[in-house]
Structures are given as C-alpha cells and as structure tokens.
Amino acid sequence: MPAVEPVPALPEVLVSTPAPEGSSHPWPRPRLSVEEMPVAKNTQPTRSPDDLAADTFESDEELEEFLASMYAERHRDAPEPAACNPSSSTPMSRPCRTSAS
C-alpha cells in the first residue's frame, strides 16, 4: 500500500467588521431566544391576511406596470421559446395556442 502524505492545513482567515465611529470596541448585543424576540419588540401575531394588506400602488395600471417590469427582468436572460410544433408530442415541444384558447 502506498504511503499517504498528510494534507497541509489551510491558513485561518479572520474576518471582522469595523467598530462604530468613536467607539473603541463594539458593545455585545444581548442574545434573545426565538420566544423572547417578539416580546421584546412588542409584536402581535398575524391573525388574518388582511393584517398584511398595504396600499402600495396608487392604481391598477401602476400595479400592472410593476408586474410587467418584474416579469421582464426575471426573464431577461431566458432563451427565446421554441416555435410551436402542432404535430409534435415530445415533452420538449410547446403546444400551439389558437386564438380561441
């Protein structure tokens, strides 16, 4: 059996963030449990989806513009779809849509 040489250890890299200006060291933050966090922030549980509702857009048109821009951005690098092939039934082919569908 051939001898196996040990792999040298990688050097340790220390990472830190700068302290706030005027501070010689950052103050430690108190550690709270998951149960203690909402109590400390005085939050209430969501009882209804209506609790999350917000009037973000002033009109339906503004919402539609936003959704169109999001769709375009998310599909920016997507390849162009293949042309439909009405006679093909392979999983990779795209069905043709008629104006009635």
Protein backbone atom coordinates (compact mmCIF):
# COMPACT_ATOMS: atom_id res chain seq x y z
CA MET A 1 0.00 0.00 0.00
CA PRO A 2 1.50 3.39 -0.98
CA ALA A 3 2.22 5.89 1.74
CA VAL A 4 -0.31 8.72 2.03
CA GLU A 5 1.09 12.13 2.74
CA PRO A 6 -0.90 14.35 5.11
CA VAL A 7 -2.64 17.34 3.56
CA PRO A 8 -1.34 20.61 4.99
CA ALA A 9 -3.91 22.64 6.92
CA LEU A 10 -5.26 25.75 5.24
CA PRO A 11 -4.37 29.05 6.89
CA GLU A 12 -7.06 30.50 9.11
CA VAL A 13 -8.65 33.72 7.88
CA LEU A 14 -10.02 36.09 10.49
CA VAL A 15 -12.88 38.36 9.44
CA SER A 16 -14.17 41.27 11.46
CA THR A 17 -16.34 44.31 10.96
CA PRO A 18 -15.26 47.83 11.88
CA ALA A 19 -16.44 49.28 15.17
CA PRO A 20 -18.79 52.29 15.07
CA GLU A 21 -17.02 55.64 14.93
CA GLY A 22 -15.96 56.96 18.30
CA SER A 23 -16.06 53.50 19.82
CA SER A 24 -13.02 51.56 20.90
CA HIS A 25 -14.96 48.29 20.64
CA PRO A 26 -18.48 47.26 19.70
CA TRP A 27 -20.86 46.54 22.53
CA PRO A 28 -22.08 42.98 22.70
CA ARG A 29 -25.70 42.54 21.73
CA PRO A 30 -27.90 40.63 24.15
CA ARG A 31 -28.87 37.22 22.86
CA LEU A 32 -32.59 36.57 22.90
CA SER A 33 -34.38 33.33 22.29
CA VAL A 34 -36.92 32.99 19.49
CA GLU A 35 -39.69 33.21 22.08
CA GLU A 36 -38.20 36.35 23.68
CA MET A 37 -37.72 38.34 20.44
CA PRO A 38 -41.40 39.12 19.71
CA VAL A 39 -41.96 40.03 23.37
CA ALA A 40 -39.00 42.41 23.31
CA LYS A 41 -40.28 44.08 20.13
CA ASN A 42 -43.89 44.13 21.35
CA THR A 43 -45.17 42.40 18.20
CA GLN A 44 -48.53 40.74 17.76
CA PRO A 45 -49.26 37.57 15.80
CA THR A 46 -50.84 37.88 12.36
CA ARG A 47 -54.45 36.85 12.78
CA SER A 48 -55.69 37.47 9.23
CA PRO A 49 -54.21 38.02 5.76
CA ASP A 50 -55.89 41.43 5.94
CA ASP A 51 -53.29 42.36 8.59
CA LEU A 52 -50.66 42.20 5.83
CA ALA A 53 -52.57 44.30 3.29
CA ALA A 54 -51.00 47.55 2.14
CA ASP A 55 -51.88 50.14 -0.48
CA THR A 56 -48.54 50.06 -2.26
CA PHE A 57 -49.76 51.05 -5.72
CA GLU A 58 -51.98 54.04 -6.42
CA SER A 59 -53.78 52.38 -9.35
CA ASP A 60 -54.28 49.07 -11.12
CA GLU A 61 -52.26 50.46 -14.05
CA GLU A 62 -49.29 51.16 -11.77
CA LEU A 63 -49.51 47.60 -10.42
CA GLU A 64 -49.66 46.18 -13.97
CA GLU A 65 -46.59 48.22 -14.99
CA PHE A 66 -44.71 46.93 -11.96
CA LEU A 67 -45.67 43.31 -12.65
CA ALA A 68 -44.69 43.64 -16.32
CA SER A 69 -41.29 45.08 -15.40
CA MET A 70 -40.71 42.33 -12.82
CA TYR A 71 -41.65 39.64 -15.36
CA ALA A 72 -39.33 41.18 -17.97
CA GLU A 73 -36.44 41.42 -15.51
CA ARG A 74 -36.85 37.84 -14.30
CA HIS A 75 -36.94 36.52 -17.86
CA ARG A 76 -34.24 38.84 -19.23
CA ASP A 77 -31.62 36.09 -19.65
CA ALA A 78 -34.06 33.30 -20.54
CA PRO A 79 -33.67 31.80 -24.01
CA GLU A 80 -36.33 32.58 -26.59
CA PRO A 81 -39.08 29.93 -26.54
CA ALA A 82 -39.02 27.41 -29.36
CA ALA A 83 -41.63 27.72 -32.05
CA CYS A 84 -44.67 25.57 -31.51
CA ASN A 85 -45.00 22.35 -33.44
CA PRO A 86 -48.61 21.15 -33.82
CA SER A 87 -47.55 17.68 -35.00
CA SER A 88 -45.04 17.01 -32.23
CA SER A 89 -45.92 15.35 -28.95
CA THR A 90 -42.48 15.30 -27.36
CA PRO A 91 -42.14 16.68 -23.83
CA MET A 92 -39.83 19.43 -25.06
CA SER A 93 -42.21 20.74 -27.72
CA ARG A 94 -44.52 23.62 -26.95
CA PRO A 95 -48.19 23.25 -27.90
CA CYS A 96 -49.59 25.76 -30.33
CA ARG A 97 -52.26 28.06 -29.00
CA THR A 98 -55.08 29.20 -31.12
CA SER A 99 -56.90 32.49 -30.71
CA ALA A 100 -59.78 30.60 -29.04
CA SER A 101 -57.60 29.31 -26.19
